[in-house]
Amino acid sequence: MLYTLAIFIYNLAILLVSPFHKKARAMVKGHGQTFKILRKNIIPGERYVWFHAASLGEFEQGRPLMDRFRELHPEYKILLTFFSPSGYEVRKDYAGADVICYLPFDTPRNVYRFFHCVKPEMAFFIKYEFWMNYILGCKYHHIPFYSISSIFRQNKIFFRWYGWPYSHVLKKVRHFFVQDEESARLLGTLGIRDNVTVVGDTRFDRVLDISRQARPLPLVESFSKSAPIVMVAGSTWPPDEDIIIPYFNTHKHFKLVLAPHVINEDHLQQIESKLRRPSVRYSKLDEANAAKADCLIVDCYRLLSSIYRYGDFAYVGGGFGAGIHNVPEAAVYGIPVLIGPNNKGFREAQDMLRLGGCFEITGQTLFNAVSSHLISSAKLRGLRGAINKSYIESNAGAADEVFRVLGL
């Protein structure tokens, strides 16, 4: 079958480039340990629920369901699989799952070995994950397969004339919990209607959970209190920084928290070389330099979601590259958010742009104008931030709806 051949070729390509590519090397190493992890940690006779997330973003969408499963059904153990190292390497120690590993490549042999070792009672795949052989394996073993926070667009292969083998596999899915009406409509064109529920995006539940559980960061609070206005720029890339830093350098009446998406010494030094005002890295932050520094560079992971609450407005990076990062993560704190132009594939960003809580930045001139306007007007910040908070709260509840529909 062409699909399985493509998987073999992809697997081979990963092996060939792994000596020269860090991410590919991590995948090869991780995949080499997957079945050892399963044999060692899967306990015969226990009841397992299987969650699969491609990467970190999908994990965050699936986490509200995992957390609720853990709380409401302690009789189940949770198996969590990842496809990408950017998910597995960050969350391999997640305490909410009992077993965590890479998903073996979707070949018939791997699928056979996987189900021989793991006998889950339910499978939940997050958003875009539709691995054909695993779906067929679930069907063969009578394991209900659920698609969570899935989203479909007309240009996907399922809706092309040559995509019938893939669309046929979608009919093996027990239930789709989709993000929007358009996804439900597109599935309807394939004859999939009775097992589709529009619940929204579970990511809204996740960011609300994060905001309620956000840990205090006293040093960041000391830094932020020493200035009338603070901008938090999260998940930034060099094109974002090339717009933010020149403005920051020439406008002394606000402070900046800069949390780059890629944290390595070269990138951190590159940022520092562009700054013309005093800065400090989070790893070196203390009470003495917190008040003296004008820019706080976050040189570690897992803090950004808590740091956004110390901002008066935010910039979410990625919009001048492959696509913006997690806008709801900032918006949940009731602050306005600036984003770059590559945001069209992100429904929540489009909604908040339309409502007025977000501002699209297309270049330096517009960034300067919007930032100056927000800095000078507390009323504007309050109004636009309230729009975002209301939007997040009104779209939460998807995880609870999934449990209601499934009767769990």
Protein backbone atom coordinates (compact mmCIF):
# COMPACT_ATOMS: atom_id res chain seq x y z
CA MET A 1 0.00 0.00 0.00
CA LEU A 2 1.31 3.46 -0.92
CA TYR A 3 0.64 4.84 2.56
CA THR A 4 2.73 2.17 4.29
CA LEU A 5 5.48 2.57 1.68
CA ALA A 6 5.54 6.30 2.41
CA ILE A 7 5.93 5.57 6.14
CA PHE A 8 8.86 3.24 5.43
CA ILE A 9 10.52 5.90 3.28
CA TYR A 10 9.98 8.56 5.94
CA ASN A 11 11.46 6.28 8.60
CA LEU A 12 14.48 5.62 6.39
CA ALA A 13 14.95 9.34 5.77
CA ILE A 14 14.98 10.02 9.53
CA LEU A 15 17.65 7.34 9.98
CA LEU A 16 19.79 8.76 7.18
CA VAL A 17 19.76 12.36 8.41
CA SER A 18 19.98 11.53 12.13
CA PRO A 19 23.81 11.80 12.32
CA PHE A 20 23.55 15.40 11.12
CA HIS A 21 20.21 16.55 12.61
CA LYS A 22 19.60 16.87 16.35
CA LYS A 23 15.82 16.39 16.22
CA ALA A 24 16.07 13.36 13.93
CA ARG A 25 18.76 11.90 16.19
CA ALA A 26 16.47 12.28 19.21
CA MET A 27 13.67 10.52 17.32
CA VAL A 28 15.88 7.59 16.36
CA LYS A 29 17.12 7.20 19.92
CA GLY A 30 13.63 7.52 21.36
CA HIS A 31 12.06 5.08 18.93
CA GLY A 32 14.79 2.59 19.73
CA GLN A 33 13.61 2.54 23.34
CA THR A 34 9.83 2.56 22.80
CA PHE A 35 9.11 -1.16 22.98
CA LYS A 36 11.54 -1.56 25.90
CA ILE A 37 9.58 1.11 27.77
CA LEU A 38 6.28 -0.58 26.97
CA ARG A 39 7.46 -4.06 27.96
CA LYS A 40 8.91 -2.74 31.20
CA ASN A 41 6.05 -0.48 32.29
CA ILE A 42 2.80 -1.89 30.92
CA ILE A 43 1.30 -4.00 33.69
CA PRO A 44 -0.73 -7.01 32.46
CA GLY A 45 -4.29 -6.96 33.73
CA GLU A 46 -4.42 -3.21 34.31
CA ARG A 47 -6.87 -1.04 32.36
CA TYR A 48 -5.26 1.53 30.08
CA VAL A 49 -6.50 4.61 28.26
CA TRP A 50 -4.27 5.73 25.41
CA PHE A 51 -3.69 9.39 24.56
CA HIS A 52 -1.57 10.41 21.58
CA ALA A 53 -0.24 13.90 20.85
CA ALA A 54 2.00 14.84 17.95
CA SER A 55 3.93 17.46 19.87
CA LEU A 56 3.81 19.87 22.79
CA GLY A 57 0.87 21.93 21.50
CA GLU A 58 -1.32 18.88 21.06
CA PHE A 59 -0.27 17.64 24.49
CA GLU A 60 -1.53 20.89 26.02
CA GLN A 61 -4.85 20.38 24.21
CA GLY A 62 -5.14 16.83 25.48
CA ARG A 63 -4.02 17.53 29.03
CA PRO A 64 -7.43 18.72 30.34
CA LEU A 65 -8.84 15.33 29.32
CA MET A 66 -5.98 13.42 30.89
CA ASP A 67 -6.24 15.42 34.10
CA ARG A 68 -9.98 14.79 34.29
CA PHE A 69 -9.51 11.08 33.54
CA ARG A 70 -6.99 10.84 36.34
CA GLU A 71 -9.38 12.58 38.75
CA LEU A 72 -12.67 10.94 37.76
CA HIS A 73 -11.48 7.45 36.80
CA PRO A 74 -8.49 6.41 38.91
CA GLU A 75 -9.22 2.81 37.93
CA TYR A 76 -7.55 3.52 34.58
CA LYS A 77 -3.87 3.97 33.89
CA ILE A 78 -2.83 6.43 31.20
CA LEU A 79 -0.48 5.71 28.31
CA LEU A 80 0.76 8.86 26.56
CA THR A 81 2.59 8.72 23.22
CA PHE A 82 4.27 11.49 21.22
CA PHE A 83 5.41 11.72 17.64
CA SER A 84 7.79 14.68 17.90
CA PRO A 85 10.84 15.13 20.15
CA SER A 86 9.65 18.67 20.90
CA GLY A 87 6.75 17.07 22.76
CA TYR A 88 8.38 13.97 24.21
CA GLU A 89 11.60 15.58 25.42
CA VAL A 90 9.71 18.34 27.26
CA ARG A 91 6.93 16.20 28.76
CA LYS A 92 8.46 12.75 29.20
CA ASP A 93 8.27 13.27 32.97
CA TYR A 94 4.63 14.38 33.02
CA ALA A 95 3.24 13.00 36.27
CA GLY A 96 -0.30 12.67 34.95
CA ALA A 97 0.55 9.66 32.76
CA ASP A 98 1.71 6.23 33.90
CA VAL A 99 3.65 5.35 30.75
CA ILE A 100 5.15 7.83 28.26
CA CYS A 101 6.98 6.98 25.04
CA TYR A 102 7.24 7.74 21.34
CA LEU A 103 4.57 6.40 19.01
CA PRO A 104 6.25 3.71 16.88
CA PHE A 105 6.19 4.54 13.18
CA ASP A 106 2.87 3.57 11.62
CA THR A 107 3.91 0.34 9.91
CA PRO A 108 1.86 -2.88 10.10
CA ARG A 109 4.62 -4.65 12.04
CA ASN A 110 4.90 -1.86 14.62
CA VAL A 111 1.14 -1.69 15.00
CA TYR A 112 0.99 -5.46 15.57
CA ARG A 113 3.76 -5.26 18.21
CA PHE A 114 2.14 -2.25 19.87
CA PHE A 115 -1.26 -3.86 20.33
CA HIS A 116 0.35 -7.14 21.37
CA CYS A 117 2.01 -5.24 24.22
CA VAL A 118 -0.67 -2.65 25.00
CA LYS A 119 -4.35 -3.45 25.14
CA PRO A 120 -5.96 -0.04 25.71
CA GLU A 121 -9.68 0.20 26.29
CA MET A 122 -9.95 3.59 24.58
CA ALA A 123 -7.75 5.70 22.30
CA PHE A 124 -7.81 9.50 22.15
CA PHE A 125 -5.81 11.17 19.37
CA ILE A 126 -5.44 14.94 19.48
CA LYS A 127 -6.18 17.39 16.64
CA TYR A 128 -4.47 16.37 13.37
CA GLU A 129 -3.34 12.85 14.25
CA PHE A 130 -4.84 10.26 11.88
CA TRP A 131 -2.37 7.37 11.50
CA MET A 132 -4.07 4.93 9.19
CA ASN A 133 -2.65 1.63 10.43
CA TYR A 134 -3.21 2.51 14.08
CA ILE A 135 -6.83 3.48 13.38
CA LEU A 136 -7.37 0.19 11.54
CA GLY A 137 -5.63 -1.63 14.39
CA CYS A 138 -8.02 -0.07 16.89
CA LYS A 139 -10.95 -1.15 14.77
CA TYR A 140 -9.62 -4.71 14.47
CA HIS A 141 -9.11 -4.97 18.25
CA HIS A 142 -12.49 -3.36 19.02
CA ILE A 143 -10.86 -0.36 20.70
CA PRO A 144 -12.98 2.81 20.34
CA PHE A 145 -10.92 5.53 18.67
CA TYR A 146 -11.81 9.15 19.42
CA SER A 147 -10.53 12.25 17.67
CA ILE A 148 -10.27 15.21 20.07
CA SER A 149 -10.10 18.92 19.18
CA SER A 150 -9.85 17.90 15.53
CA ILE A 151 -10.11 20.53 12.85
CA PHE A 152 -10.59 20.00 9.11
CA ARG A 153 -10.10 22.28 6.13
CA GLN A 154 -11.12 21.84 2.50
CA ASN A 155 -7.51 21.59 1.28
CA LYS A 156 -6.73 18.47 3.34
CA ILE A 157 -6.16 15.19 1.54
CA PHE A 158 -9.37 13.66 2.93
CA PHE A 159 -11.44 15.97 0.72
CA ARG A 160 -9.46 15.62 -2.52
CA TRP A 161 -10.59 13.30 -5.30
CA TYR A 162 -7.51 11.10 -4.79
CA GLY A 163 -7.90 10.99 -1.02
CA TRP A 164 -10.59 8.32 -0.79
CA PRO A 165 -8.34 5.70 0.93
CA TYR A 166 -7.69 8.21 3.71
CA SER A 167 -11.25 9.45 4.00
CA HIS A 168 -12.39 5.82 4.18
CA VAL A 169 -10.23 5.35 7.28
CA LEU A 170 -11.94 8.31 8.95
CA LYS A 171 -15.12 6.24 8.96
CA LYS A 172 -13.44 3.88 11.44
CA VAL A 173 -13.30 6.65 14.06
CA ARG A 174 -15.87 6.11 16.82
CA HIS A 175 -16.51 9.81 17.45
CA PHE A 176 -15.12 13.17 16.32
CA PHE A 177 -15.05 16.03 18.82
CA VAL A 178 -14.31 18.90 16.44
CA GLN A 179 -13.43 22.53 17.05
CA ASP A 180 -15.88 24.24 14.71
CA GLU A 181 -18.95 23.92 12.49
CA GLU A 182 -16.88 24.00 9.29
CA SER A 183 -15.08 20.82 10.36
CA ALA A 184 -18.43 19.15 11.05
CA ARG A 185 -19.70 20.27 7.64
CA LEU A 186 -16.67 18.86 5.82
CA LEU A 187 -16.99 15.52 7.59
CA GLY A 188 -20.63 15.52 6.53
CA THR A 189 -19.55 15.63 2.87
CA LEU A 190 -17.90 12.26 3.52
CA GLY A 191 -21.08 10.87 5.04
CA ILE A 192 -19.76 11.24 8.59
CA ARG A 193 -22.50 13.01 10.53
CA ASP A 194 -24.01 11.04 13.40
CA ASN A 195 -20.73 10.64 15.30
CA VAL A 196 -19.59 14.28 15.17
CA THR A 197 -19.94 16.79 18.00
CA VAL A 198 -18.79 20.40 17.88
CA VAL A 199 -17.24 21.06 21.31
CA GLY A 200 -14.61 23.70 20.58
CA ASP A 201 -10.94 23.59 21.45
CA THR A 202 -9.81 21.91 24.69
CA ARG A 203 -6.86 24.33 24.68
CA PHE A 204 -9.17 26.95 26.22
CA ASP A 205 -9.74 24.63 29.16
CA ARG A 206 -6.00 24.16 29.45
CA VAL A 207 -5.08 27.84 29.52
CA LEU A 208 -7.79 28.50 32.12
CA ASP A 209 -6.42 25.66 34.23
CA ILE A 210 -2.90 27.10 33.86
CA SER A 211 -4.00 30.61 34.82
CA ARG A 212 -5.73 29.32 37.96
CA GLN A 213 -2.72 27.25 38.96
CA ALA A 214 -0.02 29.73 37.90
CA ARG A 215 2.75 29.72 40.41
CA PRO A 216 3.97 33.01 41.89
CA LEU A 217 7.32 34.24 40.60
CA PRO A 218 8.48 36.79 43.20
CA LEU A 219 11.54 37.94 41.26
CA VAL A 220 9.53 38.52 38.08
CA GLU A 221 7.03 40.44 40.20
CA SER A 222 9.86 42.60 41.59
CA PHE A 223 11.07 43.25 38.06
CA SER A 224 7.61 44.20 36.80
CA LYS A 225 6.70 46.41 39.77
CA SER A 226 9.68 48.68 39.11
CA ALA A 227 8.10 49.97 35.88
CA PRO A 228 4.69 51.48 35.10
CA ILE A 229 4.19 49.30 32.01
CA VAL A 230 5.51 45.82 31.11
CA MET A 231 5.35 44.07 27.75
CA VAL A 232 5.78 40.30 27.75
CA ALA A 233 7.04 39.01 24.40
CA GLY A 234 6.68 35.23 24.34
CA SER A 235 7.90 32.51 21.98
CA THR A 236 9.80 35.02 19.87
CA TRP A 237 12.01 34.34 16.87
CA PRO A 238 14.68 36.66 15.42
CA PRO A 239 12.22 38.40 13.01
CA ASP A 240 10.00 39.22 16.01
CA GLU A 241 12.95 40.42 18.04
CA ASP A 242 14.15 42.62 15.17
CA ILE A 243 10.88 44.54 15.48
CA ILE A 244 10.49 44.54 19.27
CA ILE A 245 14.03 45.43 20.35
CA PRO A 246 14.55 48.64 18.29
CA TYR A 247 11.34 50.07 19.74
CA PHE A 248 12.31 48.99 23.25
CA ASN A 249 15.75 50.56 22.92
CA THR A 250 14.31 54.00 22.14
CA HIS A 251 11.31 54.04 24.50
CA LYS A 252 12.41 54.22 28.12
CA HIS A 253 9.01 54.27 29.82
CA PHE A 254 8.28 50.54 29.78
CA LYS A 255 10.03 47.28 30.62
CA LEU A 256 10.28 44.17 28.49
CA VAL A 257 10.16 40.49 29.33
CA LEU A 258 11.54 38.57 26.36
CA ALA A 259 11.04 34.79 26.25
CA PRO A 260 12.56 33.40 23.02
CA HIS A 261 11.16 30.22 21.51
CA VAL A 262 14.63 28.78 20.96
CA ILE A 263 16.88 28.96 23.99
CA ASN A 264 20.55 28.41 23.30
CA GLU A 265 23.65 30.42 24.04
CA ASP A 266 24.07 31.74 20.49
CA HIS A 267 20.53 33.07 20.37
CA LEU A 268 20.73 34.58 23.85
CA GLN A 269 23.95 36.39 22.97
CA GLN A 270 22.40 37.58 19.72
CA ILE A 271 19.52 39.12 21.67
CA GLU A 272 21.84 40.74 24.19
CA SER A 273 23.98 42.25 21.42
CA LYS A 274 20.91 44.09 20.06
CA LEU A 275 19.82 45.54 23.41
CA ARG A 276 20.84 49.10 24.33
CA ARG A 277 19.23 49.09 27.76
CA PRO A 278 20.19 47.08 30.89
CA SER A 279 19.16 43.44 30.74
CA VAL A 280 19.40 40.33 32.89
CA ARG A 281 18.78 36.66 32.24
CA TYR A 282 16.22 34.90 34.41
CA SER A 283 18.88 32.41 35.53
CA LYS A 284 20.85 35.32 37.04
CA LEU A 285 17.90 37.31 38.39
CA ASP A 286 17.95 38.41 42.03
CA GLU A 287 16.37 41.16 44.12
CA ALA A 288 19.26 43.55 43.46
CA ASN A 289 19.23 43.42 39.67
CA ALA A 290 15.46 42.90 39.27
CA ALA A 291 14.79 46.58 39.80
CA LYS A 292 17.83 47.80 37.86
CA ALA A 293 17.28 45.82 34.66
CA ASP A 294 14.94 47.05 31.93
CA CYS A 295 14.77 43.77 29.99
CA LEU A 296 14.34 40.32 31.50
CA ILE A 297 15.46 37.54 29.15
CA VAL A 298 13.80 34.24 30.04
CA ASP A 299 16.49 31.63 29.41
CA CYS A 300 14.56 28.57 30.60
CA TYR A 301 11.40 26.70 29.65
CA ARG A 302 8.02 26.17 31.35
CA LEU A 303 7.73 29.66 32.86
CA LEU A 304 6.10 31.64 30.08
CA SER A 305 2.51 30.65 30.87
CA SER A 306 2.97 32.01 34.41
CA ILE A 307 4.96 35.08 33.34
CA TYR A 308 2.25 36.46 31.04
CA ARG A 309 0.21 37.52 34.07
CA TYR A 310 2.86 40.12 34.95
CA GLY A 311 2.40 41.89 31.61
CA ASP A 312 0.20 44.86 30.75
CA PHE A 313 0.15 43.67 27.15
CA ALA A 314 1.81 40.86 25.23
CA TYR A 315 3.41 39.97 21.94
CA VAL A 316 3.13 36.33 20.84
CA GLY A 317 5.85 35.35 18.37
CA GLY A 318 6.03 33.18 15.29
CA GLY A 319 3.83 35.30 13.04
CA PHE A 320 6.70 36.31 10.79
CA GLY A 321 7.66 32.66 10.29
CA ALA A 322 5.82 29.36 10.18
CA GLY A 323 2.92 30.62 12.30
CA ILE A 324 2.03 32.22 15.59
CA HIS A 325 2.38 30.36 18.85
CA ASN A 326 -0.11 30.08 21.72
CA VAL A 327 -2.21 33.27 21.78
CA PRO A 328 -4.76 32.03 24.39
CA GLU A 329 -1.86 31.43 26.81
CA ALA A 330 -1.43 35.22 27.02
CA ALA A 331 -5.00 36.32 26.37
CA VAL A 332 -6.39 34.38 29.35
CA TYR A 333 -4.89 36.99 31.69
CA GLY A 334 -7.06 39.74 30.24
CA ILE A 335 -4.36 41.66 28.37
CA PRO A 336 -4.19 42.83 24.73
CA VAL A 337 -2.04 40.71 22.42
CA LEU A 338 0.04 41.66 19.38
CA ILE A 339 0.73 39.01 16.72
CA GLY A 340 2.47 38.79 13.36
CA PRO A 341 0.76 38.36 9.98
CA ASN A 342 0.97 34.57 9.67
CA ASN A 343 -2.12 33.91 11.76
CA LYS A 344 -4.72 32.86 9.21
CA GLY A 345 -4.72 29.19 10.19
CA PHE A 346 -5.40 29.92 13.85
CA ARG A 347 -9.10 30.25 14.61
CA GLU A 348 -8.69 31.73 18.08
CA ALA A 349 -6.35 34.43 16.76
CA GLN A 350 -8.75 35.25 13.94
CA ASP A 351 -11.62 35.50 16.41
CA MET A 352 -9.73 37.81 18.76
CA LEU A 353 -8.55 39.97 15.87
CA ARG A 354 -12.17 40.34 14.74
CA LEU A 355 -13.35 41.12 18.27
CA GLY A 356 -10.57 43.64 18.88
CA GLY A 357 -8.54 41.95 21.61
CA CYS A 358 -5.65 41.19 19.27
CA PHE A 359 -3.66 43.46 16.95
CA GLU A 360 -2.01 42.22 13.77
CA ILE A 361 1.48 43.63 13.27
CA THR A 362 2.86 43.63 9.73
CA GLY A 363 6.10 45.52 10.32
CA GLN A 364 8.06 48.01 12.39
CA THR A 365 5.88 51.06 11.75
CA LEU A 366 2.67 49.38 12.79
CA PHE A 367 4.30 47.74 15.82
CA ASN A 368 5.57 51.13 16.99
CA ALA A 369 2.18 52.77 16.58
CA VAL A 370 0.16 50.06 18.32
CA SER A 371 2.66 49.68 21.17
CA SER A 372 2.73 53.43 21.80
CA HIS A 373 -1.05 53.57 21.80
CA LEU A 374 -1.32 50.71 24.32
CA ILE A 375 1.40 52.10 26.55
CA SER A 376 -0.23 55.52 26.69
CA SER A 377 -3.79 54.35 27.39
CA ALA A 378 -4.70 52.22 30.40
CA LYS A 379 -8.33 52.42 29.30
CA LEU A 380 -7.52 50.91 25.90
CA ARG A 381 -5.51 48.12 27.51
CA GLY A 382 -8.36 47.37 29.89
CA LEU A 383 -11.04 47.30 27.20
CA ARG A 384 -9.08 45.17 24.74
CA GLY A 385 -7.82 42.83 27.46
CA ALA A 386 -11.34 42.28 28.79
CA ILE A 387 -12.40 41.18 25.29
CA ASN A 388 -9.74 38.48 25.32
CA LYS A 389 -10.56 37.18 28.79
CA SER A 390 -14.26 37.01 27.98
CA TYR A 391 -13.52 35.16 24.74
CA ILE A 392 -11.38 32.54 26.48
CA GLU A 393 -13.92 31.96 29.26
CA SER A 394 -16.86 31.73 26.86
CA ASN A 395 -15.07 29.11 24.74
CA ALA A 396 -13.99 26.88 27.63
CA GLY A 397 -15.80 23.68 28.55
CA ALA A 398 -14.83 21.38 25.66
CA ALA A 399 -13.23 18.78 27.93
CA ASP A 400 -16.33 18.54 30.11
CA GLU A 401 -18.49 18.21 27.00
CA VAL A 402 -16.37 15.31 25.74
CA PHE A 403 -16.88 13.50 29.05
CA ARG A 404 -20.60 14.24 28.96
CA VAL A 405 -21.07 12.86 25.44
CA LEU A 406 -19.06 9.74 26.23
CA GLY A 407 -20.89 9.24 29.53
CA LEU A 408 -17.66 9.06 31.48
